[in-house]
């Protein structure tokens, strides 16, 4: 889909995450920047969607976050740091 603004795009991402989470499907949201990962995290918090953020600020928790990322209902937001040899 094409969105006119970033706000519309991120709102659509949150809506898709909500739908998947409602049926207990694990979700991985990939972002390019820490700022975007934190923005989506804030939006999900407002919606009451539990999630984990995997970015350079939380690298010490990486093993734990990755271990739970594929579980039923898990929502993980990751920057491209997760792409450097991390299997989710």
PDB file of N, CA and C in Angstrom:
ATOM      1  N   UNK A   1       0.840  -1.187   0.000  1.00  0.00           N
ATOM      2  CA  UNK A   1       0.000   0.000   0.000  1.00  0.00           C
ATOM      3  C   UNK A   1       0.881   1.245   0.000  1.00  0.00           C
ATOM      4  N   UNK A   2       0.329   2.316  -0.497  1.00  0.00           N
ATOM      5  CA  UNK A   2       1.023   3.594  -0.531  1.00  0.00           C
ATOM      6  C   UNK A   2       0.274   4.556   0.384  1.00  0.00           C
ATOM      7  N   UNK A   3       1.012   5.265   1.214  1.00  0.00           N
ATOM      8  CA  UNK A   3       0.419   6.215   2.155  1.00  0.00           C
ATOM      9  C   UNK A   3       0.962   7.602   1.873  1.00  0.00           C
ATOM     10  N   UNK A   4       0.127   8.597   2.093  1.00  0.00           N
ATOM     11  CA  UNK A   4       0.507   9.982   1.816  1.00  0.00           C
ATOM     12  C   UNK A   4       1.469  10.536   2.864  1.00  0.00           C
ATOM     13  N   UNK A   5       1.354  10.050   4.102  1.00  0.00           N
ATOM     14  CA  UNK A   5       2.209  10.558   5.172  1.00  0.00           C
ATOM     15  C   UNK A   5       2.787   9.395   5.976  1.00  0.00           C
ATOM     16  N   UNK A   6       3.861   9.677   6.692  1.00  0.00           N
ATOM     17  CA  UNK A   6       4.435   8.669   7.585  1.00  0.00           C
ATOM     18  C   UNK A   6       3.449   8.317   8.690  1.00  0.00           C
ATOM     19  N   UNK A   7       2.707   9.306   9.151  1.00  0.00           N
ATOM     20  CA  UNK A   7       1.715   9.059  10.205  1.00  0.00           C
ATOM     21  C   UNK A   7       0.705   8.011   9.750  1.00  0.00           C
ATOM     22  N   UNK A   8       0.201   8.144   8.517  1.00  0.00           N
ATOM     23  CA  UNK A   8      -0.745   7.169   7.972  1.00  0.00           C
ATOM     24  C   UNK A   8      -0.094   5.786   7.868  1.00  0.00           C
ATOM     25  N   UNK A   9       1.151   5.762   7.419  1.00  0.00           N
ATOM     26  CA  UNK A   9       1.863   4.492   7.257  1.00  0.00           C
ATOM     27  C   UNK A   9       2.030   3.785   8.601  1.00  0.00           C
ATOM     28  N   UNK A  10       2.483   4.519   9.611  1.00  0.00           N
ATOM     29  CA  UNK A  10       2.704   3.908  10.918  1.00  0.00           C
ATOM     30  C   UNK A  10       1.387   3.500  11.571  1.00  0.00           C
ATOM     31  N   UNK A  11       0.327   4.274  11.348  1.00  0.00           N
ATOM     32  CA  UNK A  11      -0.990   3.896  11.867  1.00  0.00           C
ATOM     33  C   UNK A  11      -1.423   2.568  11.240  1.00  0.00           C
ATOM     34  N   UNK A  12      -1.188   2.404   9.944  1.00  0.00           N
ATOM     35  CA  UNK A  12      -1.537   1.155   9.259  1.00  0.00           C
ATOM     36  C   UNK A  12      -0.726  -0.017   9.811  1.00  0.00           C
ATOM     37  N   UNK A  13       0.544   0.212  10.105  1.00  0.00           N
ATOM     38  CA  UNK A  13       1.383  -0.833  10.693  1.00  0.00           C
ATOM     39  C   UNK A  13       0.795  -1.269  12.029  1.00  0.00           C
ATOM     40  N   UNK A  14       0.441  -0.298  12.862  1.00  0.00           N
ATOM     41  CA  UNK A  14      -0.125  -0.605  14.177  1.00  0.00           C
ATOM     42  C   UNK A  14      -1.436  -1.380  14.028  1.00  0.00           C
ATOM     43  N   UNK A  15      -2.263  -1.005  13.081  1.00  0.00           N
ATOM     44  CA  UNK A  15      -3.527  -1.715  12.859  1.00  0.00           C
ATOM     45  C   UNK A  15      -3.272  -3.167  12.443  1.00  0.00           C
ATOM     46  N   UNK A  16      -2.293  -3.382  11.574  1.00  0.00           N
ATOM     47  CA  UNK A  16      -1.968  -4.755  11.161  1.00  0.00           C
ATOM     48  C   UNK A  16      -1.429  -5.571  12.331  1.00  0.00           C
ATOM     49  N   UNK A  17      -0.604  -4.939  13.163  1.00  0.00           N
ATOM     50  CA  UNK A  17      -0.078  -5.626  14.343  1.00  0.00           C
ATOM     51  C   UNK A  17      -1.232  -5.998  15.273  1.00  0.00           C
ATOM     52  N   UNK A  18      -2.168  -5.076  15.488  1.00  0.00           N
ATOM     53  CA  UNK A  18      -3.320  -5.356  16.356  1.00  0.00           C
ATOM     54  C   UNK A  18      -4.114  -6.552  15.847  1.00  0.00           C
ATOM     55  N   UNK A  19      -4.351  -6.597  14.539  1.00  0.00           N
ATOM     56  CA  UNK A  19      -5.115  -7.702  13.949  1.00  0.00           C
ATOM     57  C   UNK A  19      -4.393  -9.038  14.145  1.00  0.00           C
ATOM     58  N   UNK A  20      -3.100  -9.057  13.891  1.00  0.00           N
ATOM     59  CA  UNK A  20      -2.327 -10.292  14.044  1.00  0.00           C
ATOM     60  C   UNK A  20      -2.260 -10.710  15.509  1.00  0.00           C
ATOM     61  N   UNK A  21      -2.046  -9.747  16.386  1.00  0.00           N
ATOM     62  CA  UNK A  21      -1.950 -10.039  17.817  1.00  0.00           C
ATOM     63  C   UNK A  21      -3.271 -10.593  18.348  1.00  0.00           C
ATOM     64  N   UNK A  22      -4.379 -10.101  17.827  1.00  0.00           N
ATOM     65  CA  UNK A  22      -5.705 -10.546  18.269  1.00  0.00           C
ATOM     66  C   UNK A  22      -5.929 -12.034  18.005  1.00  0.00           C
ATOM     67  N   UNK A  23      -5.258 -12.582  16.994  1.00  0.00           N
ATOM     68  CA  UNK A  23      -5.394 -14.011  16.691  1.00  0.00           C
ATOM     69  C   UNK A  23      -4.146 -14.789  17.113  1.00  0.00           C
ATOM     70  N   UNK A  24      -3.357 -14.186  18.005  1.00  0.00           N
ATOM     71  CA  UNK A  24      -2.192 -14.835  18.621  1.00  0.00           C
ATOM     72  C   UNK A  24      -1.074 -15.154  17.636  1.00  0.00           C
ATOM     73  N   UNK A  25      -0.995 -14.404  16.547  1.00  0.00           N
ATOM     74  CA  UNK A  25       0.055 -14.598  15.545  1.00  0.00           C
ATOM     75  C   UNK A  25       1.281 -13.783  15.950  1.00  0.00           C
ATOM     76  N   UNK A  26       2.476 -14.372  15.932  1.00  0.00           N
ATOM     77  CA  UNK A  26       3.668 -13.578  16.223  1.00  0.00           C
ATOM     78  C   UNK A  26       3.926 -12.572  15.105  1.00  0.00           C
ATOM     79  N   UNK A  27       4.465 -11.415  15.479  1.00  0.00           N
ATOM     80  CA  UNK A  27       4.698 -10.336  14.520  1.00  0.00           C
ATOM     81  C   UNK A  27       6.110  -9.792  14.704  1.00  0.00           C
ATOM     82  N   UNK A  28       6.792  -9.577  13.593  1.00  0.00           N
ATOM     83  CA  UNK A  28       8.083  -8.892  13.590  1.00  0.00           C
ATOM     84  C   UNK A  28       7.938  -7.654  12.724  1.00  0.00           C
ATOM     85  N   UNK A  29       8.171  -6.485  13.320  1.00  0.00           N
ATOM     86  CA  UNK A  29       8.127  -5.218  12.589  1.00  0.00           C
ATOM     87  C   UNK A  29       9.563  -4.750  12.421  1.00  0.00           C
ATOM     88  N   UNK A  30      10.021  -4.649  11.186  1.00  0.00           N
ATOM     89  CA  UNK A  30      11.373  -4.180  10.915  1.00  0.00           C
ATOM     90  C   UNK A  30      11.388  -2.686  10.654  1.00  0.00           C
ATOM     91  N   UNK A  31      12.316  -1.986  11.292  1.00  0.00           N
ATOM     92  CA  UNK A  31      12.461  -0.547  11.085  1.00  0.00           C
ATOM     93  C   UNK A  31      13.912  -0.246  10.733  1.00  0.00           C
ATOM     94  N   UNK A  32      14.126   0.926  10.161  1.00  0.00           N
ATOM     95  CA  UNK A  32      15.479   1.314   9.759  1.00  0.00           C
ATOM     96  C   UNK A  32      16.199   2.067  10.870  1.00  0.00           C
ATOM     97  N   UNK A  33      15.441   2.841  11.664  1.00  0.00           N
ATOM     98  CA  UNK A  33      16.079   3.672  12.687  1.00  0.00           C
ATOM     99  C   UNK A  33      15.554   3.360  14.084  1.00  0.00           C
ATOM    100  N   UNK A  34      16.358   3.701  15.071  1.00  0.00           N
ATOM    101  CA  UNK A  34      15.939   3.583  16.467  1.00  0.00           C
ATOM    102  C   UNK A  34      14.723   4.466  16.714  1.00  0.00           C
ATOM    103  N   UNK A  35      14.733   5.667  16.143  1.00  0.00           N
ATOM    104  CA  UNK A  35      13.621   6.598  16.347  1.00  0.00           C
ATOM    105  C   UNK A  35      12.305   6.001  15.866  1.00  0.00           C
ATOM    106  N   UNK A  36      12.321   5.353  14.710  1.00  0.00           N
ATOM    107  CA  UNK A  36      11.102   4.739  14.186  1.00  0.00           C
ATOM    108  C   UNK A  36      10.668   3.574  15.063  1.00  0.00           C
ATOM    109  N   UNK A  37      11.610   2.775  15.524  1.00  0.00           N
ATOM    110  CA  UNK A  37      11.250   1.654  16.400  1.00  0.00           C
ATOM    111  C   UNK A  37      10.613   2.173  17.683  1.00  0.00           C
ATOM    112  N   UNK A  38      11.124   3.272  18.210  1.00  0.00           N
ATOM    113  CA  UNK A  38      10.562   3.841  19.435  1.00  0.00           C
ATOM    114  C   UNK A  38       9.201   4.486  19.193  1.00  0.00           C
ATOM    115  N   UNK A  39       9.011   5.089  18.019  1.00  0.00           N
ATOM    116  CA  UNK A  39       7.715   5.672  17.681  1.00  0.00           C
ATOM    117  C   UNK A  39       6.646   4.584  17.581  1.00  0.00           C
ATOM    118  N   UNK A  40       6.950   3.507  16.882  1.00  0.00           N
ATOM    119  CA  UNK A  40       5.983   2.414  16.760  1.00  0.00           C
ATOM    120  C   UNK A  40       5.728   1.786  18.125  1.00  0.00           C
ATOM    121  N   UNK A  41       6.762   1.662  18.937  1.00  0.00           N
ATOM    122  CA  UNK A  41       6.589   1.148  20.293  1.00  0.00           C
ATOM    123  C   UNK A  41       5.620   2.026  21.084  1.00  0.00           C
ATOM    124  N   UNK A  42       5.791   3.319  20.997  1.00  0.00           N
ATOM    125  CA  UNK A  42       4.905   4.257  21.700  1.00  0.00           C
ATOM    126  C   UNK A  42       3.459   4.096  21.221  1.00  0.00           C
ATOM    127  N   UNK A  43       3.278   3.947  19.915  1.00  0.00           N
ATOM    128  CA  UNK A  43       1.932   3.781  19.356  1.00  0.00           C
ATOM    129  C   UNK A  43       1.305   2.468  19.827  1.00  0.00           C
ATOM    130  N   UNK A  44       2.091   1.407  19.876  1.00  0.00           N
ATOM    131  CA  UNK A  44       1.579   0.121  20.354  1.00  0.00           C
ATOM    132  C   UNK A  44       1.237   0.180  21.840  1.00  0.00           C
ATOM    133  N   UNK A  45       2.064   0.878  22.620  1.00  0.00           N
ATOM    134  CA  UNK A  45       1.779   1.042  24.053  1.00  0.00           C
ATOM    135  C   UNK A  45       0.433   1.717  24.260  1.00  0.00           C
ATOM    136  N   UNK A  46       0.174   2.764  23.466  1.00  0.00           N
ATOM    137  CA  UNK A  46      -1.108   3.474  23.557  1.00  0.00           C
ATOM    138  C   UNK A  46      -2.286   2.553  23.274  1.00  0.00           C
ATOM    139  N   UNK A  47      -2.065   1.562  22.406  1.00  0.00           N
ATOM    140  CA  UNK A  47      -3.125   0.615  22.041  1.00  0.00           C
ATOM    141  C   UNK A  47      -3.187  -0.577  22.998  1.00  0.00           C
ATOM    142  N   UNK A  48      -2.268  -0.608  23.959  1.00  0.00           N
ATOM    143  CA  UNK A  48      -2.256  -1.704  24.928  1.00  0.00           C
ATOM    144  C   UNK A  48      -1.715  -3.012  24.384  1.00  0.00           C
ATOM    145  N   UNK A  49      -0.903  -2.939  23.338  1.00  0.00           N
ATOM    146  CA  UNK A  49      -0.319  -4.141  22.731  1.00  0.00           C
ATOM    147  C   UNK A  49       1.049  -4.404  23.365  1.00  0.00           C
ATOM    148  N   UNK A  50       1.190  -5.511  24.097  1.00  0.00           N
ATOM    149  CA  UNK A  50       2.504  -5.825  24.675  1.00  0.00           C
ATOM    150  C   UNK A  50       3.498  -6.168  23.564  1.00  0.00           C
ATOM    151  N   UNK A  51       4.729  -5.702  23.718  1.00  0.00           N
ATOM    152  CA  UNK A  51       5.734  -5.918  22.677  1.00  0.00           C
ATOM    153  C   UNK A  51       7.132  -5.745  23.250  1.00  0.00           C
ATOM    154  N   UNK A  52       8.118  -6.153  22.469  1.00  0.00           N
ATOM    155  CA  UNK A  52       9.525  -5.977  22.812  1.00  0.00           C
ATOM    156  C   UNK A  52      10.190  -5.168  21.705  1.00  0.00           C
ATOM    157  N   UNK A  53      11.157  -4.356  22.091  1.00  0.00           N
ATOM    158  CA  UNK A  53      11.911  -3.562  21.121  1.00  0.00           C
ATOM    159  C   UNK A  53      13.350  -4.064  21.105  1.00  0.00           C
ATOM    160  N   UNK A  54      13.824  -4.382  19.916  1.00  0.00           N
ATOM    161  CA  UNK A  54      15.207  -4.823  19.739  1.00  0.00           C
ATOM    162  C   UNK A  54      15.921  -3.787  18.888  1.00  0.00           C
ATOM    163  N   UNK A  55      16.698  -2.937  19.564  1.00  0.00           N
ATOM    164  CA  UNK A  55      17.513  -1.955  18.855  1.00  0.00           C
ATOM    165  C   UNK A  55      18.813  -1.773  19.630  1.00  0.00           C
ATOM    166  N   UNK A  56      19.661  -0.894  19.179  1.00  0.00           N
ATOM    167  CA  UNK A  56      20.979  -0.729  19.797  1.00  0.00           C
ATOM    168  C   UNK A  56      20.886  -0.322  21.265  1.00  0.00           C
ATOM    169  N   UNK A  57      19.793   0.315  21.672  1.00  0.00           N
ATOM    170  CA  UNK A  57      19.637   0.726  23.069  1.00  0.00           C
ATOM    171  C   UNK A  57      19.378  -0.459  23.994  1.00  0.00           C
ATOM    172  N   UNK A  58      18.873  -1.562  23.435  1.00  0.00           N
ATOM    173  CA  UNK A  58      18.510  -2.717  24.253  1.00  0.00           C
ATOM    174  C   UNK A  58      19.317  -3.955  23.877  1.00  0.00           C
ATOM    175  N   UNK A  59      20.520  -3.747  23.323  1.00  0.00           N
ATOM    176  CA  UNK A  59      21.311  -4.872  22.825  1.00  0.00           C
ATOM    177  C   UNK A  59      21.645  -5.878  23.911  1.00  0.00           C
ATOM    178  N   UNK A  60      21.730  -5.444  25.177  1.00  0.00           N
ATOM    179  CA  UNK A  60      22.056  -6.379  26.254  1.00  0.00           C
ATOM    180  C   UNK A  60      20.926  -7.377  26.499  1.00  0.00           C
ATOM    181  N   UNK A  61      19.717  -7.059  26.042  1.00  0.00           N
ATOM    182  CA  UNK A  61      18.573  -7.959  26.198  1.00  0.00           C
ATOM    183  C   UNK A  61      18.296  -8.768  24.931  1.00  0.00           C
ATOM    184  N   UNK A  62      19.178  -8.655  23.944  1.00  0.00           N
ATOM    185  CA  UNK A  62      18.930  -9.258  22.636  1.00  0.00           C
ATOM    186  C   UNK A  62      18.603 -10.742  22.714  1.00  0.00           C
ATOM    187  N   UNK A  63      19.390 -11.526  23.438  1.00  0.00           N
ATOM    188  CA  UNK A  63      19.173 -12.975  23.484  1.00  0.00           C
ATOM    189  C   UNK A  63      17.781 -13.303  24.019  1.00  0.00           C
ATOM    190  N   UNK A  64      17.370 -12.618  25.064  1.00  0.00           N
ATOM    191  CA  UNK A  64      16.045 -12.873  25.646  1.00  0.00           C
ATOM    192  C   UNK A  64      14.924 -12.453  24.696  1.00  0.00           C
ATOM    193  N   UNK A  65      15.073 -11.283  24.083  1.00  0.00           N
ATOM    194  CA  UNK A  65      14.048 -10.796  23.150  1.00  0.00           C
ATOM    195  C   UNK A  65      13.915 -11.747  21.968  1.00  0.00           C
ATOM    196  N   UNK A  66      15.036 -12.157  21.393  1.00  0.00           N
ATOM    197  CA  UNK A  66      15.022 -13.053  20.235  1.00  0.00           C
ATOM    198  C   UNK A  66      14.449 -14.417  20.616  1.00  0.00           C
ATOM    199  N   UNK A  67      14.751 -14.885  21.817  1.00  0.00           N
ATOM    200  CA  UNK A  67      14.258 -16.192  22.254  1.00  0.00           C
ATOM    201  C   UNK A  67      12.737 -16.254  22.273  1.00  0.00           C
ATOM    202  N   UNK A  68      12.090 -15.135  22.535  1.00  0.00           N
ATOM    203  CA  UNK A  68      10.630 -15.106  22.638  1.00  0.00           C
ATOM    204  C   UNK A  68       9.950 -14.538  21.397  1.00  0.00           C
ATOM    205  N   UNK A  69      10.723 -14.086  20.428  1.00  0.00           N
ATOM    206  CA  UNK A  69      10.160 -13.365  19.280  1.00  0.00           C
ATOM    207  C   UNK A  69       9.182 -14.183  18.451  1.00  0.00           C
ATOM    208  N   UNK A  70       9.369 -15.456  18.315  1.00  0.00           N
ATOM    209  CA  UNK A  70       8.493 -16.258  17.467  1.00  0.00           C
ATOM    210  C   UNK A  70       7.349 -16.926  18.193  1.00  0.00           C
ATOM    211  N   UNK A  71       7.235 -16.679  19.492  1.00  0.00           N
ATOM    212  CA  UNK A  71       6.168 -17.314  20.263  1.00  0.00           C
ATOM    213  C   UNK A  71       4.806 -16.767  19.868  1.00  0.00           C
ATOM    214  N   UNK A  72       3.785 -17.562  20.123  1.00  0.00           N
ATOM    215  CA  UNK A  72       2.416 -17.155  19.801  1.00  0.00           C
ATOM    216  C   UNK A  72       2.093 -15.817  20.452  1.00  0.00           C
ATOM    217  N   UNK A  73       1.621 -14.886  19.653  1.00  0.00           N
ATOM    218  CA  UNK A  73       1.205 -13.583  20.158  1.00  0.00           C
ATOM    219  C   UNK A  73       2.321 -12.589  20.416  1.00  0.00           C
ATOM    220  N   UNK A  74       3.575 -13.003  20.244  1.00  0.00           N
ATOM    221  CA  UNK A  74       4.699 -12.100  20.503  1.00  0.00           C
ATOM    222  C   UNK A  74       4.766 -11.016  19.431  1.00  0.00           C
ATOM    223  N   UNK A  75       5.023  -9.793  19.876  1.00  0.00           N
ATOM    224  CA  UNK A  75       5.215  -8.670  18.958  1.00  0.00           C
ATOM    225  C   UNK A  75       6.616  -8.129  19.209  1.00  0.00           C
ATOM    226  N   UNK A  76       7.434  -8.119  18.172  1.00  0.00           N
ATOM    227  CA  UNK A  76       8.810  -7.652  18.277  1.00  0.00           C
ATOM    228  C   UNK A  76       9.037  -6.554  17.255  1.00  0.00           C
ATOM    229  N   UNK A  77       9.589  -5.443  17.713  1.00  0.00           N
ATOM    230  CA  UNK A  77       9.965  -4.336  16.834  1.00  0.00           C
ATOM    231  C   UNK A  77      11.484  -4.322  16.801  1.00  0.00           C
ATOM    232  N   UNK A  78      12.050  -4.411  15.616  1.00  0.00           N
ATOM    233  CA  UNK A  78      13.503  -4.506  15.513  1.00  0.00           C
ATOM    234  C   UNK A  78      14.045  -3.532  14.476  1.00  0.00           C
ATOM    235  N   UNK A  79      15.179  -2.933  14.800  1.00  0.00           N
ATOM    236  CA  UNK A  79      15.899  -2.150  13.802  1.00  0.00           C
ATOM    237  C   UNK A  79      16.746  -3.119  12.994  1.00  0.00           C
ATOM    238  N   UNK A  80      17.459  -2.590  12.018  1.00  0.00           N
ATOM    239  CA  UNK A  80      18.273  -3.462  11.173  1.00  0.00           C
ATOM    240  C   UNK A  80      19.430  -4.103  11.922  1.00  0.00           C
ATOM    241  N   UNK A  81      19.669  -3.733  13.193  1.00  0.00           N
ATOM    242  CA  UNK A  81      20.696  -4.428  13.977  1.00  0.00           C
ATOM    243  C   UNK A  81      20.348  -5.899  14.117  1.00  0.00           C
ATOM    244  N   UNK A  82      19.050  -6.222  14.074  1.00  0.00           N
ATOM    245  CA  UNK A  82      18.633  -7.618  14.194  1.00  0.00           C
ATOM    246  C   UNK A  82      18.991  -8.408  12.945  1.00  0.00           C
ATOM    247  N   UNK A  83      19.305  -7.739  11.868  1.00  0.00           N
ATOM    248  CA  UNK A  83      19.643  -8.410  10.630  1.00  0.00           C
ATOM    249  C   UNK A  83      21.087  -8.857  10.546  1.00  0.00           C
ATOM    250  N   UNK A  84      21.874  -8.545  11.524  1.00  0.00           N
ATOM    251  CA  UNK A  84      23.290  -8.866  11.478  1.00  0.00           C
ATOM    252  C   UNK A  84      23.578 -10.222  12.114  1.00  0.00           C
ATOM    253  N   UNK A  85      23.014 -11.259  11.505  1.00  0.00           N
ATOM    254  CA  UNK A  85      23.284 -12.608  11.977  1.00  0.00           C
ATOM    255  C   UNK A  85      22.320 -13.102  13.031  1.00  0.00           C
ATOM    256  N   UNK A  86      21.239 -12.401  13.262  1.00  0.00           N
ATOM    257  CA  UNK A  86      20.248 -12.816  14.245  1.00  0.00           C
ATOM    258  C   UNK A  86      19.118 -13.544  13.537  1.00  0.00           C
ATOM    259  N   UNK A  87      18.823 -14.749  13.984  1.00  0.00           N
ATOM    260  CA  UNK A  87      17.709 -15.512  13.419  1.00  0.00           C
ATOM    261  C   UNK A  87      16.516 -15.437  14.357  1.00  0.00           C
ATOM    262  N   UNK A  88      15.408 -14.963  13.804  1.00  0.00           N
ATOM    263  CA  UNK A  88      14.173 -14.885  14.598  1.00  0.00           C
ATOM    264  C   UNK A  88      13.182 -15.849  13.991  1.00  0.00           C
TER     265      UNK A  88
END
